[in-house]
Amino acid sequence: MDEAEVKAIARAIVSHLKAKPLASDTQMGIAQWWLQPGGEFSDEALGKALELLRRSGVIEEVLATDGRKRYRRCSSDVELEALLNGELRR
């Protein structure tokens, strides 16, 4: 896993959130439904991408009643577009 892989996953998540602003899911659900089917990425890289987006203020982590962490958008279209245009930084 390298930084380019983490950023590619983060951009894919941002694209999904731009298209579906009310989306919310667990890390496992994101891997299964939001990213390319059969995508070659590790759980560790996905976790780092989610943390990067959380720290950047793009997503928030919410603890569901079942105890699982869910991720959802908490940013504007303008902020998402800026990230898609390459302004995603560690």
PDB file of N, CA and C in Angstrom:
ATOM      1  N   MET A   1       0.840  -1.175   0.000  1.00  0.00           N
ATOM      2  CA  MET A   1       0.000   0.000   0.000  1.00  0.00           C
ATOM      3  C   MET A   1       0.886   1.240   0.000  1.00  0.00           C
ATOM      4  N   ASP A   2       0.519   2.191  -0.851  1.00  0.00           N
ATOM      5  CA  ASP A   2       1.268   3.443  -0.886  1.00  0.00           C
ATOM      6  C   ASP A   2       0.297   4.625  -0.882  1.00  0.00           C
ATOM      7  N   GLU A   3       0.847   5.803  -0.814  1.00  0.00           N
ATOM      8  CA  GLU A   3       0.028   7.014  -0.733  1.00  0.00           C
ATOM      9  C   GLU A   3      -0.857   7.191  -1.963  1.00  0.00           C
ATOM     10  N   ALA A   4      -0.359   6.821  -3.135  1.00  0.00           N
ATOM     11  CA  ALA A   4      -1.154   6.940  -4.364  1.00  0.00           C
ATOM     12  C   ALA A   4      -2.398   6.052  -4.302  1.00  0.00           C
ATOM     13  N   GLU A   5      -2.263   4.857  -3.741  1.00  0.00           N
ATOM     14  CA  GLU A   5      -3.398   3.943  -3.601  1.00  0.00           C
ATOM     15  C   GLU A   5      -4.444   4.537  -2.653  1.00  0.00           C
ATOM     16  N   VAL A   6      -3.993   5.075  -1.543  1.00  0.00           N
ATOM     17  CA  VAL A   6      -4.904   5.677  -0.566  1.00  0.00           C
ATOM     18  C   VAL A   6      -5.645   6.852  -1.200  1.00  0.00           C
ATOM     19  N   LYS A   7      -4.933   7.701  -1.920  1.00  0.00           N
ATOM     20  CA  LYS A   7      -5.575   8.857  -2.558  1.00  0.00           C
ATOM     21  C   LYS A   7      -6.537   8.427  -3.652  1.00  0.00           C
ATOM     22  N   ALA A   8      -6.218   7.372  -4.389  1.00  0.00           N
ATOM     23  CA  ALA A   8      -7.130   6.879  -5.431  1.00  0.00           C
ATOM     24  C   ALA A   8      -8.427   6.375  -4.810  1.00  0.00           C
ATOM     25  N   ILE A   9      -8.321   5.663  -3.707  1.00  0.00           N
ATOM     26  CA  ILE A   9      -9.514   5.187  -3.001  1.00  0.00           C
ATOM     27  C   ILE A   9     -10.314   6.379  -2.481  1.00  0.00           C
ATOM     28  N   ALA A  10      -9.635   7.356  -1.896  1.00  0.00           N
ATOM     29  CA  ALA A  10     -10.309   8.545  -1.368  1.00  0.00           C
ATOM     30  C   ALA A  10     -11.058   9.276  -2.483  1.00  0.00           C
ATOM     31  N   ARG A  11     -10.439   9.407  -3.638  1.00  0.00           N
ATOM     32  CA  ARG A  11     -11.109  10.082  -4.763  1.00  0.00           C
ATOM     33  C   ARG A  11     -12.333   9.300  -5.227  1.00  0.00           C
ATOM     34  N   ALA A  12     -12.243   7.977  -5.229  1.00  0.00           N
ATOM     35  CA  ALA A  12     -13.399   7.154  -5.614  1.00  0.00           C
ATOM     36  C   ALA A  12     -14.545   7.351  -4.622  1.00  0.00           C
ATOM     37  N   ILE A  13     -14.221   7.448  -3.353  1.00  0.00           N
ATOM     38  CA  ILE A  13     -15.243   7.686  -2.331  1.00  0.00           C
ATOM     39  C   ILE A  13     -15.868   9.064  -2.525  1.00  0.00           C
ATOM     40  N   VAL A  14     -15.048  10.071  -2.786  1.00  0.00           N
ATOM     41  CA  VAL A  14     -15.550  11.430  -3.011  1.00  0.00           C
ATOM     42  C   VAL A  14     -16.474  11.448  -4.232  1.00  0.00           C
ATOM     43  N   SER A  15     -16.103  10.756  -5.294  1.00  0.00           N
ATOM     44  CA  SER A  15     -16.955  10.687  -6.492  1.00  0.00           C
ATOM     45  C   SER A  15     -18.308  10.074  -6.155  1.00  0.00           C
ATOM     46  N   HIS A  16     -18.285   9.025  -5.364  1.00  0.00           N
ATOM     47  CA  HIS A  16     -19.527   8.375  -4.960  1.00  0.00           C
ATOM     48  C   HIS A  16     -20.392   9.331  -4.137  1.00  0.00           C
ATOM     49  N   LEU A  17     -19.781  10.025  -3.214  1.00  0.00           N
ATOM     50  CA  LEU A  17     -20.529  10.943  -2.357  1.00  0.00           C
ATOM     51  C   LEU A  17     -21.084  12.134  -3.131  1.00  0.00           C
ATOM     52  N   LYS A  18     -20.388  12.540  -4.161  1.00  0.00           N
ATOM     53  CA  LYS A  18     -20.887  13.631  -4.999  1.00  0.00           C
ATOM     54  C   LYS A  18     -22.129  13.179  -5.752  1.00  0.00           C
ATOM     55  N   ALA A  19     -22.118  11.952  -6.234  1.00  0.00           N
ATOM     56  CA  ALA A  19     -23.256  11.417  -6.982  1.00  0.00           C
ATOM     57  C   ALA A  19     -24.416  11.030  -6.061  1.00  0.00           C
ATOM     58  N   LYS A  20     -24.078  10.610  -4.846  1.00  0.00           N
ATOM     59  CA  LYS A  20     -25.101  10.139  -3.889  1.00  0.00           C
ATOM     60  C   LYS A  20     -24.858  10.786  -2.531  1.00  0.00           C
ATOM     61  N   PRO A  21     -25.267  12.047  -2.389  1.00  0.00           N
ATOM     62  CA  PRO A  21     -24.933  12.810  -1.183  1.00  0.00           C
ATOM     63  C   PRO A  21     -25.493  12.272   0.125  1.00  0.00           C
ATOM     64  N   LEU A  22     -26.509  11.460   0.083  1.00  0.00           N
ATOM     65  CA  LEU A  22     -27.087  10.920   1.313  1.00  0.00           C
ATOM     66  C   LEU A  22     -26.543   9.536   1.667  1.00  0.00           C
ATOM     67  N   ALA A  23     -25.555   9.063   0.924  1.00  0.00           N
ATOM     68  CA  ALA A  23     -24.987   7.743   1.182  1.00  0.00           C
ATOM     69  C   ALA A  23     -24.346   7.682   2.565  1.00  0.00           C
ATOM     70  N   SER A  24     -24.494   6.532   3.202  1.00  0.00           N
ATOM     71  CA  SER A  24     -23.902   6.276   4.514  1.00  0.00           C
ATOM     72  C   SER A  24     -23.694   4.778   4.635  1.00  0.00           C
ATOM     73  N   ASP A  25     -22.488   4.366   5.041  1.00  0.00           N
ATOM     74  CA  ASP A  25     -22.228   2.935   5.141  1.00  0.00           C
ATOM     75  C   ASP A  25     -21.009   2.677   6.012  1.00  0.00           C
ATOM     76  N   THR A  26     -20.841   1.400   6.341  1.00  0.00           N
ATOM     77  CA  THR A  26     -19.670   0.937   7.084  1.00  0.00           C
ATOM     78  C   THR A  26     -18.493   0.794   6.127  1.00  0.00           C
ATOM     79  N   GLN A  27     -17.311   0.558   6.675  1.00  0.00           N
ATOM     80  CA  GLN A  27     -16.144   0.355   5.827  1.00  0.00           C
ATOM     81  C   GLN A  27     -16.367  -0.842   4.907  1.00  0.00           C
ATOM     82  N   MET A  28     -16.959  -1.911   5.430  1.00  0.00           N
ATOM     83  CA  MET A  28     -17.220  -3.087   4.612  1.00  0.00           C
ATOM     84  C   MET A  28     -18.237  -2.771   3.507  1.00  0.00           C
ATOM     85  N   GLY A  29     -19.275  -2.024   3.828  1.00  0.00           N
ATOM     86  CA  GLY A  29     -20.263  -1.634   2.829  1.00  0.00           C
ATOM     87  C   GLY A  29     -19.673  -0.734   1.762  1.00  0.00           C
ATOM     88  N   ILE A  30     -18.793   0.166   2.164  1.00  0.00           N
ATOM     89  CA  ILE A  30     -18.127   1.051   1.205  1.00  0.00           C
ATOM     90  C   ILE A  30     -17.300   0.224   0.238  1.00  0.00           C
ATOM     91  N   ALA A  31     -16.556  -0.740   0.764  1.00  0.00           N
ATOM     92  CA  ALA A  31     -15.744  -1.611  -0.089  1.00  0.00           C
ATOM     93  C   ALA A  31     -16.620  -2.380  -1.068  1.00  0.00           C
ATOM     94  N   GLN A  32     -17.758  -2.836  -0.605  1.00  0.00           N
ATOM     95  CA  GLN A  32     -18.621  -3.679  -1.427  1.00  0.00           C
ATOM     96  C   GLN A  32     -19.460  -2.881  -2.429  1.00  0.00           C
ATOM     97  N   TRP A  33     -19.974  -1.731  -2.025  1.00  0.00           N
ATOM     98  CA  TRP A  33     -20.960  -1.030  -2.845  1.00  0.00           C
ATOM     99  C   TRP A  33     -20.474   0.268  -3.473  1.00  0.00           C
ATOM    100  N   TRP A  34     -19.546   0.964  -2.847  1.00  0.00           N
ATOM    101  CA  TRP A  34     -19.160   2.277  -3.359  1.00  0.00           C
ATOM    102  C   TRP A  34     -17.992   2.219  -4.321  1.00  0.00           C
ATOM    103  N   LEU A  35     -17.111   1.259  -4.141  1.00  0.00           N
ATOM    104  CA  LEU A  35     -15.895   1.194  -4.952  1.00  0.00           C
ATOM    105  C   LEU A  35     -16.074   0.219  -6.104  1.00  0.00           C
ATOM    106  N   GLN A  36     -15.180   0.281  -7.061  1.00  0.00           N
ATOM    107  CA  GLN A  36     -15.250  -0.589  -8.237  1.00  0.00           C
ATOM    108  C   GLN A  36     -15.310  -2.048  -7.838  1.00  0.00           C
ATOM    109  N   PRO A  37     -16.261  -2.785  -8.376  1.00  0.00           N
ATOM    110  CA  PRO A  37     -16.309  -4.227  -8.091  1.00  0.00           C
ATOM    111  C   PRO A  37     -14.985  -4.895  -8.490  1.00  0.00           C
ATOM    112  N   GLY A  38     -14.493  -5.723  -7.609  1.00  0.00           N
ATOM    113  CA  GLY A  38     -13.232  -6.417  -7.894  1.00  0.00           C
ATOM    114  C   GLY A  38     -12.007  -5.545  -7.783  1.00  0.00           C
ATOM    115  N   GLY A  39     -12.163  -4.343  -7.216  1.00  0.00           N
ATOM    116  CA  GLY A  39     -11.023  -3.441  -7.071  1.00  0.00           C
ATOM    117  C   GLY A  39      -9.939  -4.054  -6.212  1.00  0.00           C
ATOM    118  N   GLU A  40      -8.721  -3.811  -6.586  1.00  0.00           N
ATOM    119  CA  GLU A  40      -7.582  -4.360  -5.860  1.00  0.00           C
ATOM    120  C   GLU A  40      -7.093  -3.344  -4.846  1.00  0.00           C
ATOM    121  N   PHE A  41      -7.592  -3.438  -3.644  1.00  0.00           N
ATOM    122  CA  PHE A  41      -7.139  -2.565  -2.567  1.00  0.00           C
ATOM    123  C   PHE A  41      -7.289  -3.327  -1.263  1.00  0.00           C
ATOM    124  N   SER A  42      -6.521  -2.918  -0.291  1.00  0.00           N
ATOM    125  CA  SER A  42      -6.543  -3.592   1.006  1.00  0.00           C
ATOM    126  C   SER A  42      -7.495  -2.873   1.958  1.00  0.00           C
ATOM    127  N   ASP A  43      -7.925  -3.609   2.982  1.00  0.00           N
ATOM    128  CA  ASP A  43      -8.741  -2.989   4.029  1.00  0.00           C
ATOM    129  C   ASP A  43      -7.965  -1.869   4.708  1.00  0.00           C
ATOM    130  N   GLU A  44      -6.658  -2.066   4.855  1.00  0.00           N
ATOM    131  CA  GLU A  44      -5.811  -1.048   5.480  1.00  0.00           C
ATOM    132  C   GLU A  44      -5.804   0.236   4.652  1.00  0.00           C
ATOM    133  N   ALA A  45      -5.677   0.106   3.330  1.00  0.00           N
ATOM    134  CA  ALA A  45      -5.669   1.288   2.462  1.00  0.00           C
ATOM    135  C   ALA A  45      -7.017   1.996   2.507  1.00  0.00           C
ATOM    136  N   LEU A  46      -8.109   1.234   2.519  1.00  0.00           N
ATOM    137  CA  LEU A  46      -9.440   1.833   2.615  1.00  0.00           C
ATOM    138  C   LEU A  46      -9.592   2.561   3.948  1.00  0.00           C
ATOM    139  N   GLY A  47      -9.140   1.955   5.025  1.00  0.00           N
ATOM    140  CA  GLY A  47      -9.196   2.597   6.334  1.00  0.00           C
ATOM    141  C   GLY A  47      -8.419   3.901   6.359  1.00  0.00           C
ATOM    142  N   LYS A  48      -7.244   3.912   5.740  1.00  0.00           N
ATOM    143  CA  LYS A  48      -6.440   5.139   5.685  1.00  0.00           C
ATOM    144  C   LYS A  48      -7.122   6.204   4.826  1.00  0.00           C
ATOM    145  N   ALA A  49      -7.774   5.786   3.741  1.00  0.00           N
ATOM    146  CA  ALA A  49      -8.495   6.744   2.890  1.00  0.00           C
ATOM    147  C   ALA A  49      -9.665   7.359   3.658  1.00  0.00           C
ATOM    148  N   LEU A  50     -10.388   6.539   4.400  1.00  0.00           N
ATOM    149  CA  LEU A  50     -11.492   7.058   5.201  1.00  0.00           C
ATOM    150  C   LEU A  50     -10.990   8.030   6.263  1.00  0.00           C
ATOM    151  N   GLU A  51      -9.883   7.705   6.894  1.00  0.00           N
ATOM    152  CA  GLU A  51      -9.313   8.598   7.902  1.00  0.00           C
ATOM    153  C   GLU A  51      -8.844   9.906   7.267  1.00  0.00           C
ATOM    154  N   LEU A  52      -8.243   9.829   6.095  1.00  0.00           N
ATOM    155  CA  LEU A  52      -7.812  11.026   5.378  1.00  0.00           C
ATOM    156  C   LEU A  52      -9.008  11.928   5.078  1.00  0.00           C
ATOM    157  N   LEU A  53     -10.089  11.341   4.598  1.00  0.00           N
ATOM    158  CA  LEU A  53     -11.286  12.123   4.292  1.00  0.00           C
ATOM    159  C   LEU A  53     -11.935  12.674   5.561  1.00  0.00           C
ATOM    160  N   ARG A  54     -11.882  11.919   6.639  1.00  0.00           N
ATOM    161  CA  ARG A  54     -12.428  12.395   7.913  1.00  0.00           C
ATOM    162  C   ARG A  54     -11.633  13.597   8.415  1.00  0.00           C
ATOM    163  N   ARG A  55     -10.317  13.481   8.388  1.00  0.00           N
ATOM    164  CA  ARG A  55      -9.455  14.589   8.835  1.00  0.00           C
ATOM    165  C   ARG A  55      -9.602  15.824   7.944  1.00  0.00           C
ATOM    166  N   SER A  56      -9.917  15.596   6.666  1.00  0.00           N
ATOM    167  CA  SER A  56     -10.092  16.698   5.717  1.00  0.00           C
ATOM    168  C   SER A  56     -11.458  17.352   5.836  1.00  0.00           C
ATOM    169  N   GLY A  57     -12.340  16.784   6.655  1.00  0.00           N
ATOM    170  CA  GLY A  57     -13.665  17.357   6.840  1.00  0.00           C
ATOM    171  C   GLY A  57     -14.669  16.986   5.761  1.00  0.00           C
ATOM    172  N   VAL A  58     -14.373  15.951   4.996  1.00  0.00           N
ATOM    173  CA  VAL A  58     -15.247  15.526   3.908  1.00  0.00           C
ATOM    174  C   VAL A  58     -16.326  14.580   4.416  1.00  0.00           C
ATOM    175  N   ILE A  59     -15.932  13.678   5.298  1.00  0.00           N
ATOM    176  CA  ILE A  59     -16.872  12.711   5.858  1.00  0.00           C
ATOM    177  C   ILE A  59     -16.832  12.795   7.373  1.00  0.00           C
ATOM    178  N   GLU A  60     -17.869  12.253   7.968  1.00  0.00           N
ATOM    179  CA  GLU A  60     -17.870  12.119   9.415  1.00  0.00           C
ATOM    180  C   GLU A  60     -18.131  10.664   9.752  1.00  0.00           C
ATOM    181  N   GLU A  61     -17.639  10.283  10.899  1.00  0.00           N
ATOM    182  CA  GLU A  61     -17.806   8.925  11.399  1.00  0.00           C
ATOM    183  C   GLU A  61     -18.897   8.959  12.464  1.00  0.00           C
ATOM    184  N   VAL A  62     -19.890   8.094  12.296  1.00  0.00           N
ATOM    185  CA  VAL A  62     -21.012   8.054  13.222  1.00  0.00           C
ATOM    186  C   VAL A  62     -21.115   6.640  13.771  1.00  0.00           C
ATOM    187  N   LEU A  63     -21.285   6.534  15.071  1.00  0.00           N
ATOM    188  CA  LEU A  63     -21.458   5.228  15.689  1.00  0.00           C
ATOM    189  C   LEU A  63     -22.939   4.869  15.648  1.00  0.00           C
ATOM    190  N   ALA A  64     -23.265   3.797  14.932  1.00  0.00           N
ATOM    191  CA  ALA A  64     -24.658   3.358  14.788  1.00  0.00           C
ATOM    192  C   ALA A  64     -25.111   2.649  16.063  1.00  0.00           C
ATOM    193  N   THR A  65     -26.403   2.449  16.193  1.00  0.00           N
ATOM    194  CA  THR A  65     -26.945   1.790  17.379  1.00  0.00           C
ATOM    195  C   THR A  65     -26.443   0.355  17.528  1.00  0.00           C
ATOM    196  N   ASP A  66     -26.032  -0.250  16.410  1.00  0.00           N
ATOM    197  CA  ASP A  66     -25.496  -1.617  16.481  1.00  0.00           C
ATOM    198  C   ASP A  66     -24.013  -1.637  16.845  1.00  0.00           C
ATOM    199  N   GLY A  67     -23.424  -0.458  17.091  1.00  0.00           N
ATOM    200  CA  GLY A  67     -22.033  -0.363  17.506  1.00  0.00           C
ATOM    201  C   GLY A  67     -21.040  -0.239  16.368  1.00  0.00           C
ATOM    202  N   ARG A  68     -21.515  -0.333  15.133  1.00  0.00           N
ATOM    203  CA  ARG A  68     -20.596  -0.224  13.991  1.00  0.00           C
ATOM    204  C   ARG A  68     -20.419   1.227  13.573  1.00  0.00           C
ATOM    205  N   LYS A  69     -19.230   1.536  13.061  1.00  0.00           N
ATOM    206  CA  LYS A  69     -18.944   2.876  12.550  1.00  0.00           C
ATOM    207  C   LYS A  69     -19.499   2.985  11.137  1.00  0.00           C
ATOM    208  N   ARG A  70     -20.196   4.086  10.896  1.00  0.00           N
ATOM    209  CA  ARG A  70     -20.708   4.387   9.568  1.00  0.00           C
ATOM    210  C   ARG A  70     -20.099   5.714   9.134  1.00  0.00           C
ATOM    211  N   TYR A  71     -19.921   5.854   7.848  1.00  0.00           N
ATOM    212  CA  TYR A  71     -19.327   7.059   7.288  1.00  0.00           C
ATOM    213  C   TYR A  71     -20.339   7.725   6.372  1.00  0.00           C
ATOM    214  N   ARG A  72     -20.406   9.065   6.477  1.00  0.00           N
ATOM    215  CA  ARG A  72     -21.313   9.823   5.630  1.00  0.00           C
ATOM    216  C   ARG A  72     -20.705  11.189   5.325  1.00  0.00           C
ATOM    217  N   ARG A  73     -21.216  11.776   4.290  1.00  0.00           N
ATOM    218  CA  ARG A  73     -20.736  13.067   3.809  1.00  0.00           C
ATOM    219  C   ARG A  73     -21.107  14.173   4.792  1.00  0.00           C
ATOM    220  N   CYS A  74     -20.188  15.116   4.962  1.00  0.00           N
ATOM    221  CA  CYS A  74     -20.475  16.313   5.768  1.00  0.00           C
ATOM    222  C   CYS A  74     -19.836  17.542   5.122  1.00  0.00           C
ATOM    223  N   SER A  75     -19.765  17.542   3.791  1.00  0.00           N
ATOM    224  CA  SER A  75     -19.134  18.639   3.064  1.00  0.00           C
ATOM    225  C   SER A  75     -20.003  19.054   1.885  1.00  0.00           C
ATOM    226  N   SER A  76     -19.703  20.216   1.348  1.00  0.00           N
ATOM    227  CA  SER A  76     -20.479  20.766   0.236  1.00  0.00           C
ATOM    228  C   SER A  76     -19.980  20.224  -1.104  1.00  0.00           C
ATOM    229  N   ASP A  77     -20.777  20.439  -2.133  1.00  0.00           N
ATOM    230  CA  ASP A  77     -20.363  20.057  -3.482  1.00  0.00           C
ATOM    231  C   ASP A  77     -19.087  20.791  -3.888  1.00  0.00           C
ATOM    232  N   VAL A  78     -18.961  22.035  -3.483  1.00  0.00           N
ATOM    233  CA  VAL A  78     -17.766  22.829  -3.821  1.00  0.00           C
ATOM    234  C   VAL A  78     -16.524  22.185  -3.219  1.00  0.00           C
ATOM    235  N   GLU A  79     -16.616  21.770  -1.958  1.00  0.00           N
ATOM    236  CA  GLU A  79     -15.475  21.119  -1.300  1.00  0.00           C
ATOM    237  C   GLU A  79     -15.151  19.782  -1.969  1.00  0.00           C
ATOM    238  N   LEU A  80     -16.172  19.025  -2.324  1.00  0.00           N
ATOM    239  CA  LEU A  80     -15.933  17.746  -3.000  1.00  0.00           C
ATOM    240  C   LEU A  80     -15.286  17.961  -4.363  1.00  0.00           C
ATOM    241  N   GLU A  81     -15.760  18.956  -5.092  1.00  0.00           N
ATOM    242  CA  GLU A  81     -15.199  19.245  -6.415  1.00  0.00           C
ATOM    243  C   GLU A  81     -13.730  19.646  -6.303  1.00  0.00           C
ATOM    244  N   ALA A  82     -13.386  20.425  -5.289  1.00  0.00           N
ATOM    245  CA  ALA A  82     -11.989  20.815  -5.075  1.00  0.00           C
ATOM    246  C   ALA A  82     -11.125  19.582  -4.846  1.00  0.00           C
ATOM    247  N   LEU A  83     -11.630  18.623  -4.076  1.00  0.00           N
ATOM    248  CA  LEU A  83     -10.880  17.400  -3.834  1.00  0.00           C
ATOM    249  C   LEU A  83     -10.721  16.583  -5.110  1.00  0.00           C
ATOM    250  N   LEU A  84     -11.774  16.520  -5.896  1.00  0.00           N
ATOM    251  CA  LEU A  84     -11.691  15.775  -7.156  1.00  0.00           C
ATOM    252  C   LEU A  84     -10.727  16.423  -8.134  1.00  0.00           C
ATOM    253  N   ASN A  85     -10.523  17.726  -8.017  1.00  0.00           N
ATOM    254  CA  ASN A  85      -9.599  18.436  -8.902  1.00  0.00           C
ATOM    255  C   ASN A  85      -8.156  18.384  -8.400  1.00  0.00           C
ATOM    256  N   GLY A  86      -7.878  17.480  -7.478  1.00  0.00           N
ATOM    257  CA  GLY A  86      -6.492  17.258  -7.089  1.00  0.00           C
ATOM    258  C   GLY A  86      -6.027  17.982  -5.854  1.00  0.00           C
ATOM    259  N   GLU A  87      -6.931  18.556  -5.099  1.00  0.00           N
ATOM    260  CA  GLU A  87      -6.506  19.279  -3.915  1.00  0.00           C
ATOM    261  C   GLU A  87      -6.541  18.418  -2.652  1.00  0.00           C
ATOM    262  N   LEU A  88      -6.647  17.114  -2.833  1.00  0.00           N
ATOM    263  CA  LEU A  88      -6.650  16.203  -1.700  1.00  0.00           C
ATOM    264  C   LEU A  88      -5.225  16.051  -1.185  1.00  0.00           C
ATOM    265  N   ARG A  89      -5.028  16.419   0.054  1.00  0.00           N
ATOM    266  CA  ARG A  89      -3.678  16.375   0.632  1.00  0.00           C
ATOM    267  C   ARG A  89      -3.710  15.563   1.914  1.00  0.00           C
ATOM    268  N   ARG A  90      -2.592  14.997   2.237  1.00  0.00           N
ATOM    269  CA  ARG A  90      -2.423  14.245   3.484  1.00  0.00           C
ATOM    270  C   ARG A  90      -2.224  15.187   4.626  1.00  0.00           C
TER     271      ARG A  90
END
